[in-house]
Amino acid sequence: MQTWVLDTNVVVSAFLTSGGTCDRLLTAAFDHRFSLAYDARILREYVGVLSRPHWRFPEGQIGHLENFLRAYGVFVEAPALTLTFDDPDDLSFAEVALATPDRVIVTGNRRHFIPAEKLGVEILSPTAALELLTRASKR
């Protein structure tokens, strides 16, 4: 099974757009079609961003994601990198992706992860990630 890192924008989009591409991708993770890699920083960011009052996401929905990650996600203790990102919070996603065998980040903001791409991380859009899962399931 593949192990990928989902950028926070993918998770937020999944919560915002029921049935949309990101929601279908997150559902595929819940259906164990791929594994979600994370560390404490990523989990903290997911929960922190999803808990912002302006989103008004139900606490139970946020808790479901957190519980799923803790139960079925791949917790990674990634070595620190000396990369510079426009958003320093993106570093944790790159570090975790580089510490997984598949070295993949799924994001709607490819340009944010150019430094990681230069180190061999594959950057997939949510659409490309879903297409890969669909092709793999047809084999």
C-alpha atoms as a PDB file:
ATOM      1  CA  MET A   1       0.000   0.000   0.000  1.00  0.00           C
ATOM      2  CA  GLN A   2       1.238   3.452  -0.847  1.00  0.00           C
ATOM      3  CA  THR A   3       1.949   5.966   1.889  1.00  0.00           C
ATOM      4  CA  TRP A   4       1.387   9.638   1.122  1.00  0.00           C
ATOM      5  CA  VAL A   5       1.396  12.935   2.963  1.00  0.00           C
ATOM      6  CA  LEU A   6      -1.667  15.131   2.479  1.00  0.00           C
ATOM      7  CA  ASP A   7      -1.107  18.864   2.637  1.00  0.00           C
ATOM      8  CA  THR A   8      -3.497  20.693   4.941  1.00  0.00           C
ATOM      9  CA  ASN A   9      -5.198  22.415   1.999  1.00  0.00           C
ATOM     10  CA  VAL A  10      -6.307  18.993   0.725  1.00  0.00           C
ATOM     11  CA  VAL A  11      -7.792  18.075   4.101  1.00  0.00           C
ATOM     12  CA  VAL A  12      -9.588  21.424   4.419  1.00  0.00           C
ATOM     13  CA  SER A  13     -10.950  21.076   0.874  1.00  0.00           C
ATOM     14  CA  ALA A  14     -12.186  17.581   1.741  1.00  0.00           C
ATOM     15  CA  PHE A  15     -14.104  19.003   4.697  1.00  0.00           C
ATOM     16  CA  LEU A  16     -15.496  21.892   2.632  1.00  0.00           C
ATOM     17  CA  THR A  17     -16.647  20.063  -0.491  1.00  0.00           C
ATOM     18  CA  SER A  18     -18.522  16.844   0.129  1.00  0.00           C
ATOM     19  CA  GLY A  19     -18.102  14.543  -2.854  1.00  0.00           C
ATOM     20  CA  GLY A  20     -15.349  16.678  -4.366  1.00  0.00           C
ATOM     21  CA  THR A  21     -11.930  15.464  -5.427  1.00  0.00           C
ATOM     22  CA  CYS A  22     -10.271  16.039  -2.052  1.00  0.00           C
ATOM     23  CA  ASP A  23     -13.178  14.462  -0.188  1.00  0.00           C
ATOM     24  CA  ARG A  24     -12.968  11.386  -2.430  1.00  0.00           C
ATOM     25  CA  LEU A  25      -9.226  11.231  -1.803  1.00  0.00           C
ATOM     26  CA  LEU A  26      -9.628  11.429   1.971  1.00  0.00           C
ATOM     27  CA  THR A  27     -12.387   8.812   1.751  1.00  0.00           C
ATOM     28  CA  ALA A  28      -9.957   6.569  -0.158  1.00  0.00           C
ATOM     29  CA  ALA A  29      -7.567   6.880   2.788  1.00  0.00           C
ATOM     30  CA  PHE A  30     -10.388   6.016   5.208  1.00  0.00           C
ATOM     31  CA  ASP A  31     -11.122   3.006   2.971  1.00  0.00           C
ATOM     32  CA  HIS A  32      -7.466   1.934   3.345  1.00  0.00           C
ATOM     33  CA  ARG A  33      -6.645   2.393  -0.341  1.00  0.00           C
ATOM     34  CA  PHE A  34      -3.512   4.275   0.727  1.00  0.00           C
ATOM     35  CA  SER A  35      -1.931   5.210   4.043  1.00  0.00           C
ATOM     36  CA  LEU A  36      -1.598   8.698   5.455  1.00  0.00           C
ATOM     37  CA  ALA A  37       1.851   9.609   6.760  1.00  0.00           C
ATOM     38  CA  TYR A  38       2.071  12.239   9.479  1.00  0.00           C
ATOM     39  CA  ASP A  39       3.995  13.419  12.484  1.00  0.00           C
ATOM     40  CA  ALA A  40       2.976  15.394  15.566  1.00  0.00           C
ATOM     41  CA  ARG A  41       3.434  18.724  13.746  1.00  0.00           C
ATOM     42  CA  ILE A  42       1.202  17.708  10.853  1.00  0.00           C
ATOM     43  CA  LEU A  43      -1.496  16.377  13.162  1.00  0.00           C
ATOM     44  CA  ARG A  44      -1.329  19.590  15.192  1.00  0.00           C
ATOM     45  CA  GLU A  45      -1.675  21.659  12.003  1.00  0.00           C
ATOM     46  CA  TYR A  46      -4.620  19.626  10.707  1.00  0.00           C
ATOM     47  CA  VAL A  47      -6.511  19.933  13.989  1.00  0.00           C
ATOM     48  CA  GLY A  48      -5.553  23.582  14.504  1.00  0.00           C
ATOM     49  CA  VAL A  49      -6.601  24.711  11.041  1.00  0.00           C
ATOM     50  CA  LEU A  50      -9.793  22.644  10.986  1.00  0.00           C
ATOM     51  CA  SER A  51     -10.734  23.991  14.438  1.00  0.00           C
ATOM     52  CA  ARG A  52     -10.618  27.647  13.392  1.00  0.00           C
ATOM     53  CA  PRO A  53     -13.962  29.233  14.246  1.00  0.00           C
ATOM     54  CA  HIS A  54     -14.648  30.568  10.757  1.00  0.00           C
ATOM     55  CA  TRP A  55     -14.775  27.046   9.316  1.00  0.00           C
ATOM     56  CA  ARG A  56     -17.429  25.816  11.752  1.00  0.00           C
ATOM     57  CA  PHE A  57     -16.518  22.177  11.131  1.00  0.00           C
ATOM     58  CA  PRO A  58     -18.136  19.808  13.631  1.00  0.00           C
ATOM     59  CA  GLU A  59     -15.775  18.732  16.406  1.00  0.00           C
ATOM     60  CA  GLY A  60     -16.828  15.142  15.784  1.00  0.00           C
ATOM     61  CA  GLN A  61     -15.667  15.321  12.180  1.00  0.00           C
ATOM     62  CA  ILE A  62     -12.289  16.744  13.228  1.00  0.00           C
ATOM     63  CA  GLY A  63     -12.036  14.117  15.971  1.00  0.00           C
ATOM     64  CA  HIS A  64     -12.814  11.374  13.451  1.00  0.00           C
ATOM     65  CA  LEU A  65      -9.850  12.445  11.312  1.00  0.00           C
ATOM     66  CA  GLU A  66      -7.574  12.666  14.348  1.00  0.00           C
ATOM     67  CA  ASN A  67      -8.666   9.257  15.650  1.00  0.00           C
ATOM     68  CA  PHE A  68      -8.268   7.690  12.211  1.00  0.00           C
ATOM     69  CA  LEU A  69      -4.727   9.042  11.881  1.00  0.00           C
ATOM     70  CA  ARG A  70      -3.745   7.805  15.318  1.00  0.00           C
ATOM     71  CA  ALA A  71      -5.238   4.353  14.652  1.00  0.00           C
ATOM     72  CA  TYR A  72      -4.358   3.770  11.003  1.00  0.00           C
ATOM     73  CA  GLY A  73      -1.963   6.487   9.863  1.00  0.00           C
ATOM     74  CA  VAL A  74       1.760   5.984   9.541  1.00  0.00           C
ATOM     75  CA  PHE A  75       3.435   8.002  12.278  1.00  0.00           C
ATOM     76  CA  VAL A  76       6.852   9.116  11.037  1.00  0.00           C
ATOM     77  CA  GLU A  77       9.778  10.397  13.048  1.00  0.00           C
ATOM     78  CA  ALA A  78      11.477  12.297  10.276  1.00  0.00           C
ATOM     79  CA  PRO A  79      15.005  13.659  10.363  1.00  0.00           C
ATOM     80  CA  ALA A  80      15.305  17.442  10.247  1.00  0.00           C
ATOM     81  CA  LEU A  81      16.142  19.029   6.908  1.00  0.00           C
ATOM     82  CA  THR A  82      17.796  22.320   6.164  1.00  0.00           C
ATOM     83  CA  LEU A  83      15.365  23.477   3.492  1.00  0.00           C
ATOM     84  CA  THR A  84      13.845  26.906   3.172  1.00  0.00           C
ATOM     85  CA  PHE A  85      10.150  27.243   2.400  1.00  0.00           C
ATOM     86  CA  ASP A  86       8.089  30.395   1.982  1.00  0.00           C
ATOM     87  CA  ASP A  87       5.825  28.946   4.668  1.00  0.00           C
ATOM     88  CA  PRO A  88       8.008  27.341   7.365  1.00  0.00           C
ATOM     89  CA  ASP A  89       5.097  25.039   8.313  1.00  0.00           C
ATOM     90  CA  ASP A  90       5.530  23.259   4.958  1.00  0.00           C
ATOM     91  CA  LEU A  91       8.887  21.887   6.111  1.00  0.00           C
ATOM     92  CA  SER A  92       7.257  19.195   8.256  1.00  0.00           C
ATOM     93  CA  PHE A  93       5.339  17.851   5.245  1.00  0.00           C
ATOM     94  CA  ALA A  94       8.552  17.609   3.220  1.00  0.00           C
ATOM     95  CA  GLU A  95      10.460  15.965   6.066  1.00  0.00           C
ATOM     96  CA  VAL A  96       7.754  13.359   6.593  1.00  0.00           C
ATOM     97  CA  ALA A  97       7.394  12.666   2.855  1.00  0.00           C
ATOM     98  CA  LEU A  98      11.147  12.170   2.476  1.00  0.00           C
ATOM     99  CA  ALA A  99      11.095   9.659   5.336  1.00  0.00           C
ATOM    100  CA  THR A 100       8.497   7.450   3.602  1.00  0.00           C
ATOM    101  CA  PRO A 101       9.218   4.907   0.867  1.00  0.00           C
ATOM    102  CA  ASP A 102       6.883   6.592  -1.642  1.00  0.00           C
ATOM    103  CA  ARG A 103       8.069  10.172  -1.026  1.00  0.00           C
ATOM    104  CA  VAL A 104       4.782  11.796  -2.086  1.00  0.00           C
ATOM    105  CA  ILE A 105       2.988  14.962  -1.027  1.00  0.00           C
ATOM    106  CA  VAL A 106      -0.536  15.548  -2.306  1.00  0.00           C
ATOM    107  CA  THR A 107      -1.276  19.263  -2.467  1.00  0.00           C
ATOM    108  CA  GLY A 108      -3.226  21.885  -4.304  1.00  0.00           C
ATOM    109  CA  ASN A 109      -0.191  24.193  -4.054  1.00  0.00           C
ATOM    110  CA  ARG A 110       2.613  22.483  -5.963  1.00  0.00           C
ATOM    111  CA  ARG A 111       4.782  25.608  -6.034  1.00  0.00           C
ATOM    112  CA  HIS A 112       4.942  25.609  -2.223  1.00  0.00           C
ATOM    113  CA  PHE A 113       6.910  22.340  -2.322  1.00  0.00           C
ATOM    114  CA  ILE A 114       9.486  23.018  -5.034  1.00  0.00           C
ATOM    115  CA  PRO A 115      12.377  22.678  -2.522  1.00  0.00           C
ATOM    116  CA  ALA A 116      11.132  19.191  -1.591  1.00  0.00           C
ATOM    117  CA  GLU A 117      10.651  18.235  -5.238  1.00  0.00           C
ATOM    118  CA  LYS A 118      14.316  19.031  -5.845  1.00  0.00           C
ATOM    119  CA  LEU A 119      15.164  16.379  -3.221  1.00  0.00           C
ATOM    120  CA  GLY A 120      13.062  13.707  -4.902  1.00  0.00           C
ATOM    121  CA  VAL A 121       9.624  14.199  -3.393  1.00  0.00           C
ATOM    122  CA  GLU A 122       6.865  13.641  -5.925  1.00  0.00           C
ATOM    123  CA  ILE A 123       4.240  16.359  -5.760  1.00  0.00           C
ATOM    124  CA  LEU A 124       0.782  15.217  -6.829  1.00  0.00           C
ATOM    125  CA  SER A 125      -2.396  17.193  -7.272  1.00  0.00           C
ATOM    126  CA  PRO A 126      -5.461  15.639  -5.651  1.00  0.00           C
ATOM    127  CA  THR A 127      -6.764  14.769  -9.126  1.00  0.00           C
ATOM    128  CA  ALA A 128      -3.513  13.029 -10.098  1.00  0.00           C
ATOM    129  CA  ALA A 129      -3.503  11.127  -6.801  1.00  0.00           C
ATOM    130  CA  LEU A 130      -7.056   9.883  -7.380  1.00  0.00           C
ATOM    131  CA  GLU A 131      -6.147   8.834 -10.915  1.00  0.00           C
ATOM    132  CA  LEU A 132      -3.199   6.815  -9.583  1.00  0.00           C
ATOM    133  CA  LEU A 133      -5.448   5.073  -7.065  1.00  0.00           C
ATOM    134  CA  THR A 134      -8.023   4.324  -9.753  1.00  0.00           C
ATOM    135  CA  ARG A 135      -5.411   2.830 -12.083  1.00  0.00           C
ATOM    136  CA  ALA A 136      -3.948   0.754  -9.237  1.00  0.00           C
ATOM    137  CA  SER A 137      -7.367  -0.649  -8.321  1.00  0.00           C
ATOM    138  CA  LYS A 138      -7.971  -1.777 -11.928  1.00  0.00           C
ATOM    139  CA  ARG A 139      -4.887  -3.982 -11.911  1.00  0.00           C
END
